[in-house]
C-alpha atoms as a PDB file:
ATOM      1  CA  MET A   1      -9.911 155.499  29.397  1.00  0.00           C
ATOM      2  CA  ASP A   2     -10.139 155.640  25.623  1.00  0.00           C
ATOM      3  CA  ARG A   3      -6.794 157.095  24.578  1.00  0.00           C
ATOM      4  CA  THR A   4      -8.081 157.700  20.984  1.00  0.00           C
ATOM      5  CA  ALA A   5     -10.184 160.542  22.443  1.00  0.00           C
ATOM      6  CA  LEU A   6      -7.198 162.332  23.672  1.00  0.00           C
ATOM      7  CA  CYS A   7      -5.207 162.701  20.383  1.00  0.00           C
ATOM      8  CA  THR A   8      -5.812 163.772  16.872  1.00  0.00           C
ATOM      9  CA  LEU A   9      -4.503 162.728  13.624  1.00  0.00           C
ATOM     10  CA  GLY A  10      -2.662 166.045  13.439  1.00  0.00           C
ATOM     11  CA  ASP A  11      -0.455 164.951  16.328  1.00  0.00           C
ATOM     12  CA  ILE A  12       0.644 161.689  14.685  1.00  0.00           C
ATOM     13  CA  PRO A  13       4.009 161.957  12.696  1.00  0.00           C
ATOM     14  CA  PRO A  14       4.830 159.995   9.643  1.00  0.00           C
ATOM     15  CA  LEU A  15       4.829 156.277   9.718  1.00  0.00           C
ATOM     16  CA  SER A  16       8.693 156.235   9.684  1.00  0.00           C
ATOM     17  CA  ALA A  17       8.712 158.151  12.966  1.00  0.00           C
ATOM     18  CA  HIS A  18       6.755 155.260  14.660  1.00  0.00           C
ATOM     19  CA  ARG A  19       9.437 152.590  14.145  1.00  0.00           C
ATOM     20  CA  SER A  20      11.315 153.345  17.274  1.00  0.00           C
ATOM     21  CA  PRO A  21       9.467 153.324  20.644  1.00  0.00           C
ATOM     22  CA  ILE A  22      11.325 156.471  21.625  1.00  0.00           C
ATOM     23  CA  VAL A  23      11.044 159.750  19.887  1.00  0.00           C
ATOM     24  CA  LYS A  24      14.301 161.680  20.758  1.00  0.00           C
ATOM     25  CA  PRO A  25      17.656 160.691  19.113  1.00  0.00           C
ATOM     26  CA  LEU A  26      19.675 158.054  20.853  1.00  0.00           C
ATOM     27  CA  PRO A  27      23.349 158.682  19.840  1.00  0.00           C
ATOM     28  CA  ALA A  28      25.540 155.841  21.067  1.00  0.00           C
ATOM     29  CA  ASP A  29      27.874 158.256  22.960  1.00  0.00           C
ATOM     30  CA  LEU A  30      24.894 159.317  25.230  1.00  0.00           C
ATOM     31  CA  PHE A  31      22.756 156.000  25.416  1.00  0.00           C
ATOM     32  CA  THR A  32      22.718 152.295  25.582  1.00  0.00           C
ATOM     33  CA  THR A  33      19.401 151.190  24.204  1.00  0.00           C
ATOM     34  CA  ARG A  34      17.427 148.464  25.938  1.00  0.00           C
ATOM     35  CA  GLY A  35      14.462 147.448  23.926  1.00  0.00           C
ATOM     36  CA  SER A  36      11.875 150.157  24.285  1.00  0.00           C
ATOM     37  CA  SER A  37      14.114 151.953  26.858  1.00  0.00           C
ATOM     38  CA  ALA A  38      17.327 153.845  26.758  1.00  0.00           C
ATOM     39  CA  GLU A  39      19.950 154.068  29.569  1.00  0.00           C
ATOM     40  CA  THR A  40      22.079 157.046  30.098  1.00  0.00           C
ATOM     41  CA  ARG A  41      25.838 156.527  29.772  1.00  0.00           C
ATOM     42  CA  TRP A  42      27.532 157.967  32.847  1.00  0.00           C
ATOM     43  CA  GLU A  43      30.231 159.563  30.795  1.00  0.00           C
ATOM     44  CA  ALA A  44      27.664 161.711  29.139  1.00  0.00           C
ATOM     45  CA  MET A  45      27.038 163.391  32.385  1.00  0.00           C
ATOM     46  CA  ALA A  46      30.709 164.674  32.569  1.00  0.00           C
ATOM     47  CA  GLY A  47      30.495 168.587  32.864  1.00  0.00           C
ATOM     48  CA  GLN A  48      26.754 168.707  32.596  1.00  0.00           C
ATOM     49  CA  GLY A  49      25.915 170.565  35.764  1.00  0.00           C
ATOM     50  CA  TYR A  50      23.436 169.374  38.464  1.00  0.00           C
ATOM     51  CA  HIS A  51      20.565 168.433  36.322  1.00  0.00           C
ATOM     52  CA  THR A  52      20.453 165.859  33.557  1.00  0.00           C
ATOM     53  CA  PRO A  53      19.930 167.543  30.188  1.00  0.00           C
ATOM     54  CA  ASN A  54      16.740 166.504  28.567  1.00  0.00           C
ATOM     55  CA  ASP A  55      18.701 165.248  25.502  1.00  0.00           C
ATOM     56  CA  ARG A  56      20.553 162.588  27.730  1.00  0.00           C
ATOM     57  CA  PHE A  57      17.940 161.784  30.357  1.00  0.00           C
ATOM     58  CA  PHE A  58      17.162 158.095  30.414  1.00  0.00           C
ATOM     59  CA  VAL A  59      13.906 156.691  28.982  1.00  0.00           C
ATOM     60  CA  GLY A  60      12.017 154.028  30.694  1.00  0.00           C
ATOM     61  CA  ASN A  61       9.148 152.884  28.396  1.00  0.00           C
ATOM     62  CA  HIS A  62       6.893 149.975  28.834  1.00  0.00           C
ATOM     63  CA  THR A  63       5.632 150.119  25.309  1.00  0.00           C
ATOM     64  CA  THR A  64       6.148 153.278  22.813  1.00  0.00           C
ATOM     65  CA  THR A  65       6.060 157.002  23.497  1.00  0.00           C
ATOM     66  CA  PRO A  66       2.540 158.145  22.457  1.00  0.00           C
ATOM     67  CA  PHE A  67       1.816 161.340  20.636  1.00  0.00           C
ATOM     68  CA  LEU A  68      -0.769 163.419  22.453  1.00  0.00           C
ATOM     69  CA  ASN A  69      -2.421 166.720  21.712  1.00  0.00           C
ATOM     70  CA  ALA A  70      -2.343 169.114  24.794  1.00  0.00           C
ATOM     71  CA  HIS A  71      -5.513 170.925  23.356  1.00  0.00           C
ATOM     72  CA  SER A  72      -7.666 167.784  23.366  1.00  0.00           C
ATOM     73  CA  TRP A  73      -5.948 166.161  26.482  1.00  0.00           C
ATOM     74  CA  ARG A  74      -7.979 165.745  29.605  1.00  0.00           C
ATOM     75  CA  LEU A  75      -6.979 164.692  33.170  1.00  0.00           C
ATOM     76  CA  ARG A  76      -9.989 162.729  34.498  1.00  0.00           C
ATOM     77  CA  LEU A  77     -10.418 162.573  38.329  1.00  0.00           C
ATOM     78  CA  HIS A  78     -13.005 160.216  39.745  1.00  0.00           C
ATOM     79  CA  GLY A  79     -13.601 157.570  42.287  1.00  0.00           C
ATOM     80  CA  ASP A  80     -15.602 157.110  45.722  1.00  0.00           C
ATOM     81  CA  GLY A  81     -12.777 159.054  47.514  1.00  0.00           C
ATOM     82  CA  LEU A  82     -13.982 162.349  45.790  1.00  0.00           C
ATOM     83  CA  ALA A  83     -16.953 164.593  46.273  1.00  0.00           C
ATOM     84  CA  GLY A  84     -17.579 164.066  42.513  1.00  0.00           C
ATOM     85  CA  PRO A  85     -15.780 163.671  39.155  1.00  0.00           C
ATOM     86  CA  ARG A  86     -13.772 166.395  37.742  1.00  0.00           C
ATOM     87  CA  LEU A  87     -12.031 167.182  34.350  1.00  0.00           C
ATOM     88  CA  PHE A  88      -9.009 169.293  33.976  1.00  0.00           C
ATOM     89  CA  THR A  89      -7.748 170.626  30.550  1.00  0.00           C
ATOM     90  CA  TYR A  90      -4.126 171.567  29.864  1.00  0.00           C
ATOM     91  CA  ALA A  91      -5.048 175.193  30.057  1.00  0.00           C
ATOM     92  CA  ASP A  92      -6.699 174.502  33.470  1.00  0.00           C
ATOM     93  CA  LEU A  93      -3.540 172.992  34.797  1.00  0.00           C
ATOM     94  CA  ARG A  94      -1.383 175.835  33.561  1.00  0.00           C
ATOM     95  CA  ARG A  95      -3.564 178.376  35.367  1.00  0.00           C
ATOM     96  CA  LEU A  96      -3.135 176.780  38.688  1.00  0.00           C
ATOM     97  CA  PRO A  97      -0.447 177.862  41.251  1.00  0.00           C
ATOM     98  CA  ALA A  98       2.748 176.165  40.230  1.00  0.00           C
ATOM     99  CA  ARG A  99       5.734 174.769  42.074  1.00  0.00           C
ATOM    100  CA  THR A 100       9.218 173.767  40.977  1.00  0.00           C
ATOM    101  CA  MET A 101      11.284 170.912  42.320  1.00  0.00           C
ATOM    102  CA  ASP A 102      14.586 169.327  41.735  1.00  0.00           C
ATOM    103  CA  VAL A 103      13.710 165.531  41.909  1.00  0.00           C
ATOM    104  CA  ALA A 104      15.450 162.362  40.806  1.00  0.00           C
ATOM    105  CA  ILE A 105      13.579 159.737  38.757  1.00  0.00           C
ATOM    106  CA  GLU A 106      15.046 156.190  39.053  1.00  0.00           C
ATOM    107  CA  CYS A 107      14.003 152.845  37.786  1.00  0.00           C
ATOM    108  CA  ALA A 108      13.565 150.294  40.621  1.00  0.00           C
ATOM    109  CA  ASP A 109      15.644 147.878  38.491  1.00  0.00           C
ATOM    110  CA  ASN A 110      18.563 150.441  37.929  1.00  0.00           C
ATOM    111  CA  GLY A 111      21.678 148.281  38.419  1.00  0.00           C
ATOM    112  CA  ARG A 112      19.903 145.109  37.706  1.00  0.00           C
ATOM    113  CA  SER A 113      22.744 143.673  35.495  1.00  0.00           C
ATOM    114  CA  LEU A 114      25.045 144.054  38.549  1.00  0.00           C
ATOM    115  CA  PHE A 115      23.308 141.188  40.283  1.00  0.00           C
ATOM    116  CA  GLY A 116      24.883 139.162  37.528  1.00  0.00           C
ATOM    117  CA  HIS A 117      21.594 137.397  36.280  1.00  0.00           C
ATOM    118  CA  ARG A 118      20.534 139.697  33.556  1.00  0.00           C
ATOM    119  CA  GLU A 119      23.137 140.520  30.872  1.00  0.00           C
ATOM    120  CA  ASP A 120      20.581 142.834  29.146  1.00  0.00           C
ATOM    121  CA  GLY A 121      19.766 144.459  32.377  1.00  0.00           C
ATOM    122  CA  TRP A 122      20.322 148.223  33.361  1.00  0.00           C
ATOM    123  CA  GLY A 123      23.733 149.260  34.610  1.00  0.00           C
ATOM    124  CA  LEU A 124      23.565 152.372  36.739  1.00  0.00           C
ATOM    125  CA  GLY A 125      22.204 154.755  34.087  1.00  0.00           C
ATOM    126  CA  GLY A 126      18.605 154.307  34.818  1.00  0.00           C
ATOM    127  CA  ILE A 127      18.379 157.587  36.817  1.00  0.00           C
ATOM    128  CA  GLY A 128      18.091 161.271  36.003  1.00  0.00           C
ATOM    129  CA  VAL A 129      17.551 164.509  37.977  1.00  0.00           C
ATOM    130  CA  ALA A 130      15.542 167.332  36.437  1.00  0.00           C
ATOM    131  CA  ARG A 131      14.048 170.502  37.553  1.00  0.00           C
ATOM    132  CA  TRP A 132      10.354 169.728  37.203  1.00  0.00           C
ATOM    133  CA  ARG A 133       7.551 172.466  37.294  1.00  0.00           C
ATOM    134  CA  GLY A 134       3.805 171.865  37.626  1.00  0.00           C
ATOM    135  CA  VAL A 135       0.912 171.655  40.136  1.00  0.00           C
ATOM    136  CA  PRO A 136       0.976 170.014  43.490  1.00  0.00           C
ATOM    137  CA  LEU A 137      -1.262 166.937  43.174  1.00  0.00           C
ATOM    138  CA  ARG A 138      -2.869 167.987  46.510  1.00  0.00           C
ATOM    139  CA  THR A 139      -4.162 171.212  44.773  1.00  0.00           C
ATOM    140  CA  VAL A 140      -5.779 169.217  41.973  1.00  0.00           C
ATOM    141  CA  LEU A 141      -7.346 166.849  44.504  1.00  0.00           C
ATOM    142  CA  ALA A 142      -8.581 169.557  46.553  1.00  0.00           C
ATOM    143  CA  LEU A 143     -10.562 171.121  43.574  1.00  0.00           C
ATOM    144  CA  ALA A 144     -12.107 167.677  43.176  1.00  0.00           C
ATOM    145  CA  GLY A 145     -12.992 167.487  46.813  1.00  0.00           C
ATOM    146  CA  VAL A 146     -11.262 164.670  48.803  1.00  0.00           C
ATOM    147  CA  ARG A 147     -13.360 162.787  51.068  1.00  0.00           C
ATOM    148  CA  PRO A 148     -12.154 162.303  54.680  1.00  0.00           C
ATOM    149  CA  ASP A 149     -12.233 158.447  54.329  1.00  0.00           C
ATOM    150  CA  ALA A 150     -10.190 158.314  51.057  1.00  0.00           C
ATOM    151  CA  VAL A 151      -7.136 156.120  51.360  1.00  0.00           C
ATOM    152  CA  ASP A 152      -5.463 155.511  47.924  1.00  0.00           C
ATOM    153  CA  VAL A 153      -4.748 157.356  44.569  1.00  0.00           C
ATOM    154  CA  LEU A 154      -4.389 155.419  41.396  1.00  0.00           C
ATOM    155  CA  ALA A 155      -2.662 157.335  38.556  1.00  0.00           C
ATOM    156  CA  THR A 156      -2.867 155.872  35.090  1.00  0.00           C
ATOM    157  CA  GLY A 157      -0.994 156.696  31.852  1.00  0.00           C
ATOM    158  CA  LEU A 158      -2.096 156.957  28.252  1.00  0.00           C
ATOM    159  CA  ASP A 159       0.534 154.954  26.698  1.00  0.00           C
ATOM    160  CA  ASP A 160      -0.447 151.579  25.011  1.00  0.00           C
ATOM    161  CA  PRO A 161      -1.646 148.717  27.285  1.00  0.00           C
ATOM    162  CA  VAL A 162       1.091 146.228  28.468  1.00  0.00           C
ATOM    163  CA  ASP A 163       0.973 142.483  28.046  1.00  0.00           C
ATOM    164  CA  GLY A 164      -2.760 142.181  29.010  1.00  0.00           C
ATOM    165  CA  ARG A 165      -2.267 144.297  32.084  1.00  0.00           C
ATOM    166  CA  GLY A 166      -3.739 147.257  30.707  1.00  0.00           C
ATOM    167  CA  HIS A 167      -2.317 150.875  30.840  1.00  0.00           C
ATOM    168  CA  VAL A 168       0.645 151.521  33.112  1.00  0.00           C
ATOM    169  CA  ARG A 169      -0.671 152.688  36.447  1.00  0.00           C
ATOM    170  CA  HIS A 170       0.470 152.951  40.078  1.00  0.00           C
ATOM    171  CA  VAL A 171      -1.008 153.367  43.459  1.00  0.00           C
ATOM    172  CA  VAL A 172       0.128 156.219  45.812  1.00  0.00           C
ATOM    173  CA  PRO A 173      -1.268 156.436  49.342  1.00  0.00           C
ATOM    174  CA  LEU A 174      -3.286 159.587  49.926  1.00  0.00           C
ATOM    175  CA  ALA A 175      -1.014 160.773  52.536  1.00  0.00           C
ATOM    176  CA  LYS A 176       1.863 160.803  49.973  1.00  0.00           C
ATOM    177  CA  ALA A 177      -0.244 162.242  47.417  1.00  0.00           C
ATOM    178  CA  LEU A 178      -1.133 165.147  49.498  1.00  0.00           C
ATOM    179  CA  ASP A 179       2.490 165.688  50.678  1.00  0.00           C
ATOM    180  CA  ASP A 180       4.952 166.497  47.660  1.00  0.00           C
ATOM    181  CA  VAL A 181       3.811 164.919  44.610  1.00  0.00           C
ATOM    182  CA  LEU A 182       3.632 167.096  41.573  1.00  0.00           C
ATOM    183  CA  VAL A 183       1.541 166.971  38.327  1.00  0.00           C
ATOM    184  CA  ALA A 184       4.387 168.184  36.043  1.00  0.00           C
ATOM    185  CA  TYR A 185       4.147 169.908  32.631  1.00  0.00           C
ATOM    186  CA  GLU A 186       7.768 171.216  32.426  1.00  0.00           C
ATOM    187  CA  MET A 187      11.157 169.663  32.540  1.00  0.00           C
ATOM    188  CA  ASN A 188      14.324 171.760  32.960  1.00  0.00           C
ATOM    189  CA  GLY A 189      12.555 174.952  31.805  1.00  0.00           C
ATOM    190  CA  VAL A 190      10.819 173.602  28.764  1.00  0.00           C
ATOM    191  CA  THR A 191       7.505 171.795  27.844  1.00  0.00           C
ATOM    192  CA  LEU A 192       7.727 168.128  28.845  1.00  0.00           C
ATOM    193  CA  PRO A 193       9.309 166.314  25.865  1.00  0.00           C
ATOM    194  CA  PRO A 194       7.203 163.462  24.522  1.00  0.00           C
ATOM    195  CA  ASP A 195       9.323 160.661  25.846  1.00  0.00           C
ATOM    196  CA  HIS A 196       9.213 162.075  29.317  1.00  0.00           C
ATOM    197  CA  GLY A 197       5.513 162.361  29.743  1.00  0.00           C
ATOM    198  CA  TYR A 198       4.053 165.308  27.592  1.00  0.00           C
ATOM    199  CA  PRO A 199       1.605 166.856  28.234  1.00  0.00           C
ATOM    200  CA  ALA A 200       1.625 165.986  32.024  1.00  0.00           C
ATOM    201  CA  ARG A 201       3.082 163.363  34.346  1.00  0.00           C
ATOM    202  CA  LEU A 202       3.423 162.557  37.960  1.00  0.00           C
ATOM    203  CA  VAL A 203       6.620 163.251  39.810  1.00  0.00           C
ATOM    204  CA  VAL A 204       6.930 161.388  43.010  1.00  0.00           C
ATOM    205  CA  PRO A 205       9.881 162.306  45.191  1.00  0.00           C
ATOM    206  CA  GLY A 206      11.679 159.611  46.934  1.00  0.00           C
ATOM    207  CA  TRP A 207       9.828 156.815  45.243  1.00  0.00           C
ATOM    208  CA  VAL A 208      10.932 154.547  42.432  1.00  0.00           C
ATOM    209  CA  GLY A 209      10.383 155.726  38.978  1.00  0.00           C
ATOM    210  CA  ILE A 210       7.144 153.523  38.128  1.00  0.00           C
ATOM    211  CA  ALA A 211       5.234 155.709  40.551  1.00  0.00           C
ATOM    212  CA  SER A 212       5.927 158.842  38.369  1.00  0.00           C
ATOM    213  CA  VAL A 213       3.384 157.865  35.830  1.00  0.00           C
ATOM    214  CA  LYS A 214       4.152 159.419  32.381  1.00  0.00           C
ATOM    215  CA  TRP A 215       1.336 160.666  30.016  1.00  0.00           C
ATOM    216  CA  LEU A 216      -0.996 161.056  32.976  1.00  0.00           C
ATOM    217  CA  GLY A 217      -4.632 160.858  31.955  1.00  0.00           C
ATOM    218  CA  ASP A 218      -6.639 159.271  34.826  1.00  0.00           C
ATOM    219  CA  ILE A 219      -6.706 159.496  38.588  1.00  0.00           C
ATOM    220  CA  GLU A 220      -8.795 157.476  40.725  1.00  0.00           C
ATOM    221  CA  VAL A 221      -9.247 158.307  44.458  1.00  0.00           C
ATOM    222  CA  SER A 222     -10.603 155.517  46.503  1.00  0.00           C
ATOM    223  CA  THR A 223     -11.955 154.744  50.057  1.00  0.00           C
ATOM    224  CA  ARG A 224     -10.419 151.282  49.856  1.00  0.00           C
ATOM    225  CA  PRO A 225      -6.964 149.936  49.072  1.00  0.00           C
ATOM    226  CA  LEU A 226      -6.543 149.696  45.238  1.00  0.00           C
ATOM    227  CA  ASP A 227      -4.780 146.975  43.234  1.00  0.00           C
ATOM    228  CA  ASN A 228      -1.317 147.975  41.975  1.00  0.00           C
ATOM    229  CA  PRO A 229      -0.493 145.695  38.980  1.00  0.00           C
ATOM    230  CA  PHE A 230       2.628 147.616  38.041  1.00  0.00           C
ATOM    231  CA  GLY A 231       3.903 147.937  41.668  1.00  0.00           C
ATOM    232  CA  THR A 232       7.360 146.608  42.305  1.00  0.00           C
ATOM    233  CA  GLY A 233       6.801 145.827  46.074  1.00  0.00           C
ATOM    234  CA  VAL A 234       9.339 148.541  46.633  1.00  0.00           C
ATOM    235  CA  THR A 235       8.943 152.285  47.145  1.00  0.00           C
ATOM    236  CA  THR A 236      12.241 153.938  48.138  1.00  0.00           C
ATOM    237  CA  PRO A 237      15.453 153.696  45.870  1.00  0.00           C
ATOM    238  CA  SER A 238      18.528 152.576  47.605  1.00  0.00           C
ATOM    239  CA  VAL A 239      21.930 154.419  48.048  1.00  0.00           C
ATOM    240  CA  LYS A 240      24.228 154.236  45.036  1.00  0.00           C
ATOM    241  CA  SER A 241      27.200 156.074  43.602  1.00  0.00           C
ATOM    242  CA  ALA A 242      28.531 156.259  40.141  1.00  0.00           C
ATOM    243  CA  PHE A 243      31.589 157.689  38.336  1.00  0.00           C
ATOM    244  CA  GLU A 244      31.198 160.188  35.422  1.00  0.00           C
ATOM    245  CA  LEU A 245      33.511 157.816  33.310  1.00  0.00           C
ATOM    246  CA  PRO A 246      33.243 155.274  30.479  1.00  0.00           C
ATOM    247  CA  ARG A 247      33.836 151.667  31.179  1.00  0.00           C
ATOM    248  CA  PRO A 248      36.636 151.137  31.089  1.00  0.00           C
ATOM    249  CA  ALA A 249      38.112 154.587  31.542  1.00  0.00           C
ATOM    250  CA  ARG A 250      41.575 155.537  30.279  1.00  0.00           C
ATOM    251  CA  ILE A 251      43.587 157.674  32.524  1.00  0.00           C
ATOM    252  CA  PRO A 252      46.826 159.304  31.779  1.00  0.00           C
ATOM    253  CA  PHE A 253      49.819 158.105  33.879  1.00  0.00           C
ATOM    254  CA  GLY A 254      51.418 160.387  36.262  1.00  0.00           C
ATOM    255  CA  ARG A 255      49.186 163.397  35.639  1.00  0.00           C
ATOM    256  CA  ARG A 256      46.791 164.886  37.953  1.00  0.00           C
ATOM    257  CA  HIS A 257      43.307 163.987  37.173  1.00  0.00           C
ATOM    258  CA  VAL A 258      39.903 165.017  38.808  1.00  0.00           C
ATOM    259  CA  LEU A 259      37.629 162.038  39.531  1.00  0.00           C
ATOM    260  CA  ARG A 260      33.965 163.089  39.341  1.00  0.00           C
ATOM    261  CA  GLY A 261      30.783 161.298  40.074  1.00  0.00           C
ATOM    262  CA  ARG A 262      27.293 161.467  41.863  1.00  0.00           C
ATOM    263  CA  SER A 263      25.762 159.637  44.683  1.00  0.00           C
ATOM    264  CA  TRP A 264      22.109 159.595  45.741  1.00  0.00           C
ATOM    265  CA  SER A 265      19.561 157.988  48.060  1.00  0.00           C
ATOM    266  CA  GLY A 266      15.774 157.921  47.876  1.00  0.00           C
ATOM    267  CA  ALA A 267      15.626 158.187  51.726  1.00  0.00           C
ATOM    268  CA  GLY A 268      17.556 161.362  52.200  1.00  0.00           C
ATOM    269  CA  ALA A 269      20.491 163.768  51.263  1.00  0.00           C
ATOM    270  CA  ILE A 270      23.923 162.278  51.054  1.00  0.00           C
ATOM    271  CA  ALA A 271      26.056 162.980  53.991  1.00  0.00           C
ATOM    272  CA  LYS A 272      29.349 161.484  53.083  1.00  0.00           C
ATOM    273  CA  ILE A 273      31.176 160.083  49.875  1.00  0.00           C
ATOM    274  CA  GLU A 274      34.473 158.048  49.981  1.00  0.00           C
ATOM    275  CA  VAL A 275      36.568 157.003  46.869  1.00  0.00           C
ATOM    276  CA  SER A 276      39.280 154.282  46.496  1.00  0.00           C
ATOM    277  CA  THR A 277      41.733 154.370  43.651  1.00  0.00           C
ATOM    278  CA  ASP A 278      43.428 151.110  44.737  1.00  0.00           C
ATOM    279  CA  GLY A 279      40.681 148.591  44.613  1.00  0.00           C
ATOM    280  CA  GLY A 280      39.415 149.106  48.195  1.00  0.00           C
ATOM    281  CA  ARG A 281      42.650 148.968  50.172  1.00  0.00           C
ATOM    282  CA  SER A 282      42.367 152.618  51.144  1.00  0.00           C
ATOM    283  CA  TRP A 283      39.649 155.218  50.995  1.00  0.00           C
ATOM    284  CA  ARG A 284      39.727 159.068  50.642  1.00  0.00           C
ATOM    285  CA  LYS A 285      36.917 161.423  51.389  1.00  0.00           C
ATOM    286  CA  ALA A 286      35.546 163.085  48.379  1.00  0.00           C
ATOM    287  CA  PHE A 287      34.515 166.843  48.198  1.00  0.00           C
ATOM    288  CA  HIS A 288      30.837 167.048  47.612  1.00  0.00           C
ATOM    289  CA  ARG A 289      28.179 169.686  47.077  1.00  0.00           C
ATOM    290  CA  ARG A 290      26.158 169.954  50.299  1.00  0.00           C
ATOM    291  CA  GLY A 291      22.570 170.702  50.883  1.00  0.00           C
ATOM    292  CA  THR A 292      21.320 168.883  47.675  1.00  0.00           C
ATOM    293  CA  ARG A 293      18.371 166.389  47.877  1.00  0.00           C
ATOM    294  CA  ALA A 294      17.985 164.885  44.564  1.00  0.00           C
ATOM    295  CA  TRP A 295      21.455 163.650  44.234  1.00  0.00           C
ATOM    296  CA  THR A 296      25.023 164.803  45.230  1.00  0.00           C
ATOM    297  CA  PRO A 297      27.858 165.714  42.817  1.00  0.00           C
ATOM    298  CA  TRP A 298      31.280 164.932  44.141  1.00  0.00           C
ATOM    299  CA  HIS A 299      35.047 164.980  43.020  1.00  0.00           C
ATOM    300  CA  LEU A 300      38.455 163.895  44.000  1.00  0.00           C
ATOM    301  CA  GLU A 301      41.942 164.568  42.720  1.00  0.00           C
ATOM    302  CA  TRP A 302      44.059 161.493  41.583  1.00  0.00           C
ATOM    303  CA  CYS A 303      47.552 161.139  40.156  1.00  0.00           C
ATOM    304  CA  PRO A 304      48.133 157.656  39.029  1.00  0.00           C
ATOM    305  CA  ARG A 305      51.721 156.225  39.853  1.00  0.00           C
ATOM    306  CA  GLU A 306      51.269 152.888  38.262  1.00  0.00           C
ATOM    307  CA  LYS A 307      50.372 151.946  34.721  1.00  0.00           C
ATOM    308  CA  GLY A 308      48.014 149.128  33.859  1.00  0.00           C
ATOM    309  CA  PRO A 309      44.543 148.068  34.672  1.00  0.00           C
ATOM    310  CA  GLY A 310      42.870 148.945  37.882  1.00  0.00           C
ATOM    311  CA  VAL A 311      39.618 149.480  39.784  1.00  0.00           C
ATOM    312  CA  LEU A 312      37.871 152.697  41.277  1.00  0.00           C
ATOM    313  CA  LEU A 313      35.381 152.381  43.917  1.00  0.00           C
ATOM    314  CA  ALA A 314      32.852 154.799  45.362  1.00  0.00           C
ATOM    315  CA  ARG A 315      30.689 154.677  48.353  1.00  0.00           C
ATOM    316  CA  ALA A 316      28.243 156.890  50.099  1.00  0.00           C
ATOM    317  CA  VAL A 317      26.286 157.410  53.358  1.00  0.00           C
ATOM    318  CA  ASP A 318      23.090 159.169  53.362  1.00  0.00           C
ATOM    319  CA  HIS A 319      21.686 161.337  56.315  1.00  0.00           C
ATOM    320  CA  ASN A 320      19.743 158.371  57.758  1.00  0.00           C
ATOM    321  CA  GLY A 321      23.070 156.562  58.235  1.00  0.00           C
ATOM    322  CA  TYR A 322      22.518 153.967  55.384  1.00  0.00           C
ATOM    323  CA  ARG A 323      25.882 153.091  54.065  1.00  0.00           C
ATOM    324  CA  GLN A 324      26.486 151.416  50.657  1.00  0.00           C
ATOM    325  CA  PRO A 325      27.472 147.819  51.444  1.00  0.00           C
ATOM    326  CA  GLU A 326      30.335 145.807  49.912  1.00  0.00           C
ATOM    327  CA  PHE A 327      27.884 143.334  48.735  1.00  0.00           C
ATOM    328  CA  THR A 328      24.124 143.228  48.359  1.00  0.00           C
ATOM    329  CA  ALA A 329      21.559 140.246  48.787  1.00  0.00           C
ATOM    330  CA  TYR A 330      20.667 138.733  45.403  1.00  0.00           C
ATOM    331  CA  ASP A 331      17.031 139.828  44.288  1.00  0.00           C
ATOM    332  CA  LYS A 332      15.446 137.702  41.672  1.00  0.00           C
ATOM    333  CA  MET A 333      13.496 140.744  40.163  1.00  0.00           C
ATOM    334  CA  GLY A 334      16.811 142.770  40.045  1.00  0.00           C
ATOM    335  CA  TYR A 335      15.362 145.552  42.329  1.00  0.00           C
ATOM    336  CA  LEU A 336      17.298 147.976  44.558  1.00  0.00           C
ATOM    337  CA  PHE A 337      20.858 146.931  43.824  1.00  0.00           C
ATOM    338  CA  ASP A 338      23.091 149.129  46.142  1.00  0.00           C
ATOM    339  CA  ALA A 339      26.462 147.532  46.490  1.00  0.00           C
ATOM    340  CA  ILE A 340      29.689 149.388  45.816  1.00  0.00           C
ATOM    341  CA  VAL A 341      30.339 149.004  42.073  1.00  0.00           C
ATOM    342  CA  ALA A 342      33.992 148.262  40.658  1.00  0.00           C
ATOM    343  CA  HIS A 343      34.718 150.792  37.794  1.00  0.00           C
ATOM    344  CA  PRO A 344      37.406 149.546  35.550  1.00  0.00           C
ATOM    345  CA  VAL A 345      40.134 151.773  34.551  1.00  0.00           C
ATOM    346  CA  ILE A 346      43.375 151.591  32.394  1.00  0.00           C
ATOM    347  CA  VAL A 347      46.374 153.790  33.325  1.00  0.00           C
ATOM    348  CA  GLU A 348      48.471 154.467  30.206  1.00  0.00           C
END
């Protein structure tokens, strides 16, 4: 699709605003910048409630955030898996019955640096949970007329082409597309910010972030399996846990302190979280918020009795029984790190 047809000169900011691939401010106390992307600092989530605020939600860009005009934007549906092609305007989308969902978006390579082979790779901050509002993808597909022999849905974004591979795109099987996938136009109660997919994006619950295509502009529905050049070979994020603390964290000696963090799993809700304050010699069950699907906040009281450096550990079990392991198998691509992560602290 020709992206130039979907934006106007009036949408393009001054040249100076194009010097960064990300539009929103990236203060050092909220983000670690990683090329065209930005990782959320976990200490920035302390006291922030269940959802990740938009101003500190991580950004995973392959190129540069585009500036698109909702008035001229179109969502094009086509392919031999549909009764015929269909175009939706932004106004069309907003008029359709809406749904609101709490969903985590997580990069497949969240935790890549923890494998030890990429110093510039992500820590654990390539995840965020937002309250997304939009139209179920099945509603949009139904209006275009899905054929009974359709099998795959290919969503394509409107950001710049990547390294000769074209626009970012990802395949979702039709069964998943008709289940819980959302064409979102709001994030945490406001219009989607530019860095997070304005004017519309996919939100694919339980799948790695690349499937939740931002700046959505094209959907092909096919009666044959489609090529997935941006596929990672993985779909469901693994179980992880993180402390809402800086690295290293400085903890006052001999005083009660409440350790807080979050655990999550792409395969289901979290059933149990345990925390160790002595490097793994003993474990205590953390108090956690029950009935949450996107991720699970937890807390545990701790009164340090020894000064000096130490290590905190957290591990979780999801409702399918998957437990975070002490070690995880090395992955050359850096995908799906899920081992327990040592969090350094200094008691002083």
